N, C-alpha and C. Protein backbone atom coordinates (compact mmCIF):
# COMPACT_ATOMS: atom_id res chain seq x y z
N UNK A 1 35.78 -63.51 3.22
CA UNK A 1 36.68 -62.36 2.83
C UNK A 1 38.24 -62.70 1.93
N UNK A 2 38.34 -61.30 1.27
CA UNK A 2 39.73 -62.28 0.07
C UNK A 2 40.84 -61.92 0.87
N UNK A 3 41.74 -62.15 0.85
CA UNK A 3 43.40 -61.92 1.26
C UNK A 3 43.44 -59.72 0.80
N UNK A 4 43.22 -60.02 -0.36
CA UNK A 4 43.24 -58.50 -0.49
C UNK A 4 41.86 -57.23 0.60
N UNK A 5 41.85 -57.65 0.78
CA UNK A 5 40.45 -57.05 1.98
C UNK A 5 40.51 -57.80 3.18
N UNK A 6 40.97 -58.16 3.36
CA UNK A 6 41.40 -58.48 5.02
C UNK A 6 41.98 -58.19 5.16
N UNK A 7 43.40 -57.99 3.96
CA UNK A 7 44.37 -57.06 4.43
C UNK A 7 44.04 -55.86 4.98
N UNK A 8 43.85 -55.18 3.37
CA UNK A 8 43.15 -54.05 3.41
C UNK A 8 42.56 -53.26 4.69
N UNK A 9 41.58 -54.58 5.45
CA UNK A 9 41.33 -53.94 6.59
C UNK A 9 42.14 -53.87 8.18
N UNK A 10 43.26 -54.66 8.14
CA UNK A 10 43.97 -54.61 8.81
C UNK A 10 45.30 -53.55 8.59
N UNK A 11 45.81 -52.82 7.68
CA UNK A 11 46.21 -51.53 7.76
C UNK A 11 45.25 -50.89 8.41
N UNK A 12 44.13 -50.72 7.84
CA UNK A 12 42.99 -49.70 8.06
C UNK A 12 42.93 -49.87 9.86
N UNK A 13 42.90 -50.82 10.19
CA UNK A 13 42.94 -50.73 11.30
C UNK A 13 44.71 -50.56 12.28
N UNK A 14 44.98 -50.72 11.83
CA UNK A 14 46.75 -50.43 12.67
C UNK A 14 46.91 -48.90 11.77
N UNK A 15 46.32 -48.17 10.80
CA UNK A 15 46.61 -46.81 10.81
C UNK A 15 46.24 -46.06 11.60
N UNK A 16 44.99 -46.81 12.55
CA UNK A 16 43.96 -46.45 13.83
C UNK A 16 44.60 -46.15 14.55
N UNK A 17 44.97 -47.54 14.95
CA UNK A 17 44.94 -47.31 16.78
C UNK A 17 47.36 -47.11 16.17
N UNK A 18 47.62 -46.68 15.01
CA UNK A 18 48.87 -45.86 15.01
C UNK A 18 49.09 -45.48 14.37
N UNK A 19 48.60 -44.16 14.45
CA UNK A 19 48.55 -42.45 13.56
C UNK A 19 50.41 -42.54 12.74
N UNK A 20 50.54 -42.51 13.22
CA UNK A 20 52.09 -42.30 13.32
C UNK A 20 52.64 -42.77 12.57
N UNK A 21 52.67 -44.22 12.63
CA UNK A 21 53.31 -44.84 11.45
C UNK A 21 52.61 -45.39 9.67
N UNK A 22 51.66 -43.91 9.93
CA UNK A 22 51.04 -44.03 8.24
C UNK A 22 52.06 -44.25 7.11
N UNK A 23 52.56 -43.39 7.35
CA UNK A 23 53.94 -42.65 6.24
C UNK A 23 54.47 -44.56 6.09
N UNK A 24 55.05 -44.68 7.27
CA UNK A 24 56.00 -46.11 6.76
C UNK A 24 55.12 -47.24 6.25
N UNK A 25 53.19 -47.55 6.81
CA UNK A 25 52.72 -47.87 6.42
C UNK A 25 52.74 -48.12 4.78
N UNK A 26 52.18 -46.14 3.91
CA UNK A 26 52.63 -46.42 2.64
C UNK A 26 53.15 -47.04 1.88
N UNK A 27 54.57 -47.04 2.52
CA UNK A 27 56.08 -46.95 2.19
C UNK A 27 56.28 -48.82 1.41
N UNK A 28 55.39 -48.98 3.10
CA UNK A 28 55.90 -50.28 3.23
C UNK A 28 54.84 -51.66 1.85
N UNK A 29 55.73 -52.07 1.35
CA UNK A 29 54.72 -52.86 -0.32
C UNK A 29 54.33 -53.56 1.41
N UNK A 30 53.26 -54.24 1.09
CA UNK A 30 51.88 -55.65 1.14
C UNK A 30 52.57 -56.54 1.83
N UNK A 31 53.75 -57.73 1.28
CA UNK A 31 54.77 -58.11 1.77
C UNK A 31 54.90 -58.44 2.89
N UNK A 32 55.59 -56.86 2.72
CA UNK A 32 56.39 -56.95 4.06
C UNK A 32 55.57 -57.18 5.46
N UNK A 33 54.12 -56.34 5.59
CA UNK A 33 53.36 -56.19 6.02
C UNK A 33 52.62 -57.60 6.51
N UNK A 34 52.77 -58.32 5.71
CA UNK A 34 52.01 -59.69 5.78
C UNK A 34 52.88 -60.20 6.71
N UNK A 35 53.95 -60.24 6.49
CA UNK A 35 54.72 -60.85 7.45
C UNK A 35 55.39 -59.80 8.65
N UNK A 36 55.41 -59.15 8.80
CA UNK A 36 54.88 -58.11 10.04
C UNK A 36 54.09 -59.42 10.89
N UNK A 37 53.03 -59.00 10.44
CA UNK A 37 51.70 -59.20 11.47
C UNK A 37 52.24 -61.19 11.22
N UNK A 38 52.78 -62.22 10.55
CA UNK A 38 52.79 -63.37 10.79
C UNK A 38 53.31 -63.24 11.94
N UNK A 39 54.70 -62.22 11.76
CA UNK A 39 55.68 -62.97 13.09
C UNK A 39 55.04 -62.36 14.56
N UNK A 40 54.24 -61.71 14.11
CA UNK A 40 53.94 -60.85 15.54
C UNK A 40 52.98 -62.21 15.94
N UNK A 41 51.99 -62.89 15.33
CA UNK A 41 51.37 -64.40 15.05
C UNK A 41 51.95 -64.86 16.27
N UNK A 42 53.20 -65.06 14.87
CA UNK A 42 54.13 -66.68 16.35
C UNK A 42 54.84 -66.27 16.94
N UNK A 43 55.27 -64.62 17.18
CA UNK A 43 55.69 -64.40 18.97
C UNK A 43 54.61 -64.60 19.26
N UNK A 44 52.83 -64.19 19.14
CA UNK A 44 51.88 -64.60 20.02
C UNK A 44 52.36 -66.03 20.78
N UNK A 45 52.13 -66.90 19.01
CA UNK A 45 51.95 -68.58 19.96
C UNK A 45 53.26 -69.16 20.74
N UNK A 46 54.54 -68.43 20.74
CA UNK A 46 56.11 -68.60 21.25
C UNK A 46 55.22 -68.75 23.03
N UNK A 47 54.31 -66.91 22.98
CA UNK A 47 54.96 -66.87 23.94
C UNK A 47 54.29 -67.75 24.46
N UNK A 48 52.54 -68.52 24.29
CA UNK A 48 51.30 -68.97 24.81
C UNK A 48 51.88 -70.47 24.69
N UNK A 49 52.74 -70.88 24.17
CA UNK A 49 53.98 -72.46 24.16
C UNK A 49 54.55 -71.84 25.62
N UNK A 50 54.87 -71.04 25.70
CA UNK A 50 56.30 -70.63 26.82
C UNK A 50 55.47 -70.58 28.65
N UNK A 51 54.39 -70.17 28.16
CA UNK A 51 53.54 -70.41 29.35
C UNK A 51 53.20 -71.09 29.53
N UNK A 52 52.45 -72.49 29.11
CA UNK A 52 52.17 -73.62 29.04
C UNK A 52 52.56 -74.39 29.24
N UNK A 53 54.16 -73.89 28.77
CA UNK A 53 55.78 -75.53 29.38
C UNK A 53 55.84 -74.42 30.63
N UNK A 54 55.66 -72.79 31.15
CA UNK A 54 55.82 -72.47 32.86
C UNK A 54 54.58 -73.15 33.87
N UNK A 55 53.43 -72.95 32.37
CA UNK A 55 52.99 -73.78 34.09
C UNK A 55 52.37 -75.14 34.36
N UNK A 56 53.52 -75.90 33.21
CA UNK A 56 53.49 -77.41 33.78
C UNK A 56 54.76 -77.35 34.88
N UNK A 57 55.75 -76.77 34.44
CA UNK A 57 56.29 -76.72 35.44
C UNK A 57 55.92 -76.16 37.01
N UNK A 58 55.41 -75.21 36.51
CA UNK A 58 54.97 -74.41 38.23
C UNK A 58 54.34 -75.96 38.78
N UNK A 59 53.96 -76.97 37.81
CA UNK A 59 52.45 -78.33 38.54
C UNK A 59 53.70 -79.23 39.19
N UNK A 60 54.78 -79.28 38.68
CA UNK A 60 55.52 -80.40 38.62
C UNK A 60 56.34 -80.29 39.86
N UNK A 61 57.24 -78.37 40.32
CA UNK A 61 57.07 -78.27 41.18
C UNK A 61 56.61 -78.57 42.68
N UNK A 62 54.94 -77.83 42.55
CA UNK A 62 54.58 -78.02 43.59
C UNK A 62 53.86 -79.73 43.72
N UNK A 63 53.94 -80.67 42.75
CA UNK A 63 53.65 -81.87 43.25
C UNK A 63 55.10 -82.47 44.13
N UNK A 64 56.36 -82.07 43.31
CA UNK A 64 57.31 -82.94 43.96
C UNK A 64 57.21 -82.07 45.46
N UNK A 65 56.85 -80.84 45.63
CA UNK A 65 56.84 -80.31 47.50
C UNK A 65 55.92 -80.89 47.89
N UNK A 66 54.72 -81.13 47.58
CA UNK A 66 54.23 -82.43 48.26
C UNK A 66 53.80 -83.79 48.29
N UNK A 67 55.07 -84.31 47.50
CA UNK A 67 55.92 -85.68 47.99
C UNK A 67 56.58 -85.41 49.18
N UNK A 68 57.53 -84.10 49.06
CA UNK A 68 58.82 -84.40 49.95
C UNK A 68 57.91 -84.21 51.19
N UNK A 69 56.72 -82.72 51.03
CA UNK A 69 56.28 -83.37 52.82
C UNK A 69 55.38 -84.39 53.87
N UNK A 70 54.88 -85.19 52.72
CA UNK A 70 54.72 -86.79 52.31
C UNK A 70 55.15 -87.47 53.74
């Protein structure tokens, strides 16, 4: 699938889910939409990374508590 087709499909799905933003999407340049989609992806990745760090920190705290109880 070409970038143009993928972008058109993403915009169509976005319009379907958020019909109130159709006017914004029609005036918005394609580059801005790509940047916004990339920003959303980066934000999601940042949240996943933060979750991994939180789980690691929680595991460390559990191990420390277990060591204190021994």
